[in-house]
Amino acid sequence: ACLGTESPTAFGVGIVGQCYGRCVDGAQDSMAAATLSFGCSFTYVPILPAQLLEVLSTPTPFIIGVHSIFQSETQELLDVVIADLDGGTVNVPECVHISLLPEPLLQQTREALSMVLDPELEVADLAFPPSTISASSLKMQDKEIRAVFLRLFAQLLQGYRWCLHIIRIHPEPVIRFHKVR
């Protein structure tokens, strides 16, 4: 599922973590930066105070950080996706639909990630596999994973120039509203 491209458009995202700094600096800022680049508008609260936990039940799109001591209160929410930083999980309620990536991209991304995370799979079916397969260092593996996702987002956004075509042909707005005088 592609949470990063859809997150604040139709539902709320609660980011739960024990460390305040980790909630604010790591996950939420990167999530907010990714979604702002897509032009979405939503409510962003780095850390929600305990007195305002009912804000998580609002029907507006949001990204809100919640301390892990309030995790039990987040379990009953019907339309809020909960990203647990401490457990490394993302809980998506049944009523929230997150679409998968388009099929060729999904398969390519899965294959690329499996080659980075488990390189032995590439040669597992060969009749004469090489004697040694060296796994990448953790630092290099991190860079390879980043490259896989960078390529994925480049492929997802590759057709954006087609949208600019209409702007070049019609420099004036196509739809005009009556202005109040």
Protein backbone atom coordinates (compact mmCIF):
# COMPACT_ATOMS: atom_id res chain seq x y z
CA ALA A 1 0.00 0.00 0.00
CA CYS A 2 1.11 3.51 -0.66
CA LEU A 3 0.39 5.47 2.51
CA GLY A 4 2.71 8.33 1.64
CA THR A 5 0.89 9.37 -1.52
CA GLU A 6 -2.65 9.12 -0.18
CA SER A 7 -2.37 9.77 3.53
CA PRO A 8 -3.98 13.12 4.22
CA THR A 9 -6.54 13.14 1.43
CA ALA A 10 -9.33 11.02 2.87
CA PHE A 11 -8.52 10.04 6.45
CA GLY A 12 -6.45 10.88 9.48
CA VAL A 13 -3.01 9.56 10.28
CA GLY A 14 -1.97 9.13 13.89
CA ILE A 15 1.72 8.61 14.53
CA VAL A 16 2.32 6.91 17.88
CA GLY A 17 5.70 6.82 19.57
CA GLN A 18 7.34 6.82 22.97
CA CYS A 19 10.00 9.42 22.12
CA TYR A 20 8.67 12.92 21.48
CA GLY A 21 11.70 13.88 19.43
CA ARG A 22 11.36 10.82 17.22
CA CYS A 23 7.68 11.59 16.58
CA VAL A 24 8.31 15.19 15.68
CA ASP A 25 11.64 15.09 13.88
CA GLY A 26 11.58 11.82 12.03
CA ALA A 27 8.24 10.49 10.97
CA GLN A 28 5.91 13.48 10.98
CA ASP A 29 8.19 16.00 9.32
CA SER A 30 9.04 13.61 6.52
CA MET A 31 5.39 12.62 6.12
CA ALA A 32 4.29 16.26 6.08
CA ALA A 33 6.97 17.19 3.55
CA ALA A 34 5.99 14.35 1.24
CA THR A 35 2.30 15.20 1.36
CA LEU A 36 2.78 18.96 1.05
CA SER A 37 4.63 18.36 -2.21
CA PHE A 38 1.42 16.82 -3.57
CA GLY A 39 -0.56 19.96 -2.69
CA CYS A 40 -2.78 18.42 -0.02
CA SER A 41 -4.24 20.44 2.81
CA PHE A 42 -4.61 18.89 6.23
CA THR A 43 -4.20 19.59 9.93
CA TYR A 44 -0.72 18.91 11.27
CA VAL A 45 -0.15 18.60 15.03
CA PRO A 46 3.36 17.44 16.03
CA ILE A 47 2.35 16.20 19.51
CA LEU A 48 -1.27 16.15 20.63
CA PRO A 49 -1.81 17.11 24.30
CA ALA A 50 -3.71 14.62 26.45
CA GLN A 51 -6.61 17.05 26.92
CA LEU A 52 -7.26 17.14 23.15
CA LEU A 53 -7.36 13.41 22.35
CA GLU A 54 -10.93 13.76 21.04
CA VAL A 55 -9.47 15.66 18.06
CA LEU A 56 -8.50 12.23 16.70
CA SER A 57 -12.21 11.57 16.10
CA THR A 58 -12.73 14.56 13.81
CA PRO A 59 -13.77 13.78 10.23
CA THR A 60 -11.05 15.96 8.71
CA PRO A 61 -7.77 14.79 7.23
CA PHE A 62 -4.84 15.18 9.62
CA ILE A 63 -1.41 14.04 10.66
CA ILE A 64 -1.15 14.03 14.44
CA GLY A 65 1.56 12.75 16.77
CA VAL A 66 0.40 10.88 19.86
CA HIS A 67 2.53 9.68 22.76
CA SER A 68 2.51 5.91 23.19
CA ILE A 69 0.91 6.09 26.65
CA PHE A 70 -2.33 7.03 24.83
CA GLN A 71 -2.10 4.15 22.35
CA SER A 72 -5.11 2.39 23.88
CA GLU A 73 -7.27 5.44 23.02
CA THR A 74 -6.19 5.20 19.38
CA GLN A 75 -7.31 1.58 18.99
CA GLU A 76 -11.04 2.41 18.86
CA LEU A 77 -10.76 4.99 16.08
CA LEU A 78 -12.59 3.87 12.94
CA ASP A 79 -11.12 6.07 10.20
CA VAL A 80 -7.61 6.80 11.47
CA VAL A 81 -4.52 5.02 10.21
CA ILE A 82 -2.11 4.47 13.12
CA ALA A 83 1.63 4.30 12.41
CA ASP A 84 3.38 2.85 15.47
CA LEU A 85 7.00 4.01 15.47
CA ASP A 86 8.02 1.82 18.40
CA GLY A 87 6.50 -1.39 17.02
CA GLY A 88 7.23 -0.64 13.37
CA THR A 89 3.65 -1.31 12.29
CA VAL A 90 0.92 0.50 10.39
CA ASN A 91 -2.66 -0.36 11.37
CA VAL A 92 -5.24 0.41 8.71
CA PRO A 93 -8.92 0.13 9.75
CA GLU A 94 -11.25 -1.90 7.56
CA CYS A 95 -13.27 1.15 6.50
CA VAL A 96 -10.17 2.92 5.12
CA HIS A 97 -9.22 1.92 1.60
CA ILE A 98 -5.62 2.45 0.53
CA SER A 99 -5.07 1.54 -3.08
CA LEU A 100 -2.07 -0.47 -4.17
CA LEU A 101 0.50 0.81 -6.60
CA PRO A 102 -0.15 0.14 -10.30
CA GLU A 103 0.81 -3.44 -11.12
CA PRO A 104 4.03 -3.10 -13.10
CA LEU A 105 5.43 -0.67 -10.51
CA LEU A 106 4.33 -2.81 -7.58
CA GLN A 107 6.02 -5.93 -8.95
CA GLN A 108 9.21 -4.06 -9.91
CA THR A 109 9.44 -2.46 -6.48
CA ARG A 110 8.89 -5.77 -4.68
CA GLU A 111 11.57 -7.45 -6.78
CA ALA A 112 14.05 -4.61 -6.26
CA LEU A 113 13.46 -4.60 -2.50
CA SER A 114 13.83 -8.36 -2.25
CA MET A 115 17.13 -8.18 -4.16
CA VAL A 116 18.40 -5.57 -1.72
CA LEU A 117 17.18 -7.29 1.43
CA ASP A 118 17.86 -10.91 0.39
CA PRO A 119 20.36 -11.08 -2.51
CA GLU A 120 20.53 -14.89 -2.34
CA LEU A 121 17.08 -15.04 -3.99
CA GLU A 122 18.58 -13.81 -7.26
CA VAL A 123 20.73 -16.92 -7.65
CA ALA A 124 18.66 -19.46 -5.68
CA ASP A 125 17.29 -21.19 -8.79
CA LEU A 126 20.49 -21.25 -10.82
CA ALA A 127 21.97 -24.68 -11.62
CA PHE A 128 25.48 -23.41 -10.93
CA PRO A 129 25.20 -20.60 -8.40
CA PRO A 130 28.27 -18.52 -7.58
CA SER A 131 30.23 -19.76 -4.59
CA THR A 132 29.91 -16.56 -2.59
CA ILE A 133 27.30 -13.87 -2.50
CA SER A 134 28.26 -10.86 -0.48
CA ALA A 135 25.51 -8.95 1.24
CA SER A 136 25.77 -5.18 1.28
CA SER A 137 26.76 -3.34 4.43
CA LEU A 138 23.93 -1.73 6.40
CA LYS A 139 24.95 1.72 5.18
CA MET A 140 24.96 0.58 1.56
CA GLN A 141 21.71 -1.34 2.04
CA ASP A 142 20.08 1.86 3.33
CA LYS A 143 21.22 3.70 0.20
CA GLU A 144 19.94 0.91 -2.05
CA ILE A 145 16.51 0.98 -0.38
CA ARG A 146 16.38 4.76 -0.78
CA ALA A 147 17.26 4.37 -4.46
CA VAL A 148 14.44 1.87 -4.95
CA PHE A 149 11.88 4.30 -3.53
CA LEU A 150 13.36 7.27 -5.37
CA ARG A 151 12.96 5.34 -8.63
CA LEU A 152 9.39 4.39 -7.64
CA PHE A 153 8.35 8.00 -7.03
CA ALA A 154 10.08 9.14 -10.23
CA GLN A 155 8.08 6.53 -12.17
CA LEU A 156 4.84 7.51 -10.43
CA LEU A 157 5.30 11.18 -11.29
CA GLN A 158 6.83 10.80 -14.74
CA GLY A 159 3.73 12.00 -16.61
CA TYR A 160 3.39 15.34 -14.85
CA ARG A 161 4.55 17.33 -17.91
CA TRP A 162 1.37 16.34 -19.75
CA CYS A 163 -0.55 18.44 -17.22
CA LEU A 164 1.59 21.46 -18.08
CA HIS A 165 0.55 21.21 -21.74
CA ILE A 166 -2.85 22.78 -21.13
CA ILE A 167 -1.27 25.71 -19.29
CA ARG A 168 0.99 26.49 -22.24
CA ILE A 169 -1.85 26.37 -24.78
CA HIS A 170 -4.31 28.40 -22.66
CA PRO A 171 -2.35 31.00 -20.67
CA GLU A 172 -5.65 32.51 -19.56
CA PRO A 173 -7.82 30.46 -17.17
CA VAL A 174 -10.20 28.14 -18.96
CA ILE A 175 -12.85 28.50 -16.24
CA ARG A 176 -13.79 32.02 -15.21
CA PHE A 177 -15.84 32.99 -12.20
CA HIS A 178 -18.00 36.09 -11.96
CA LYS A 179 -16.25 38.62 -9.78
CA VAL A 180 -18.26 40.67 -7.32
CA ARG A 181 -17.90 44.37 -8.09
